[in-house]
Amino acid sequence: MELVLQQAVEVDNLPDEAQFRLWAERAVAQLGAEVLGELVVRIVDEAESAELNQQYRQKSGSTNVLSFPFEAPPGVPVEELPLGDLAICAPVIIREAQQQGKTEAAHWAHMVVHGVLHLLGLDHIDPQEAENMEAKEAGILASLGFSDRSEERRVGKECRSRWSPDH
């Protein structure tokens, strides 16, 4: 999988591209998926996050991560198609990490894993889906050396996926 890291905002202590790739690849591997195409991870500010959230979800305000799965047009071969795009809001990640009492790196990892799981079709609209997704997140994050504390796994209302508007 090719990872394209776009930084639209300056961020102190932003994980490097290799870390983002590791987190994304671990999420893909843990689900047994194979992704040959690219994943775009765009680091945004609150204004861009709020604009995307309004445009694609009709929700006001910024959010921690937005997931945009790639949808191939009919008749396009599926080899090496992009996985999709993640828009991760740096100020929200930093604020939530502080509020949740965890390192920024742990929260960046969590949001990448969470976003990639959305791109691969997982969601948390209903309680059963949420439990399944949280369990997968916890396993992936543990395999990366991050704590399995439930407050670190729970994304709550802040998570936004283009195709799961009611959570």
Foldseek 3Di string as FASTA:
>chain_A
DAEAEAEPDDDPPDDDPVLLVVLLVLLCVLVVHDAQAYEYEYEAAFVVQQVCCCVQQVDGTHFAKEAAADDDDPPDDPPHDYLGYMYGYVVRLVVVCVVLVHDSSLSVSLRSSLRSVVSVPQDCLDPVSLVVSLVSSLVSSVVVVDDSPSSSSDRPPRDYYSPRNPD
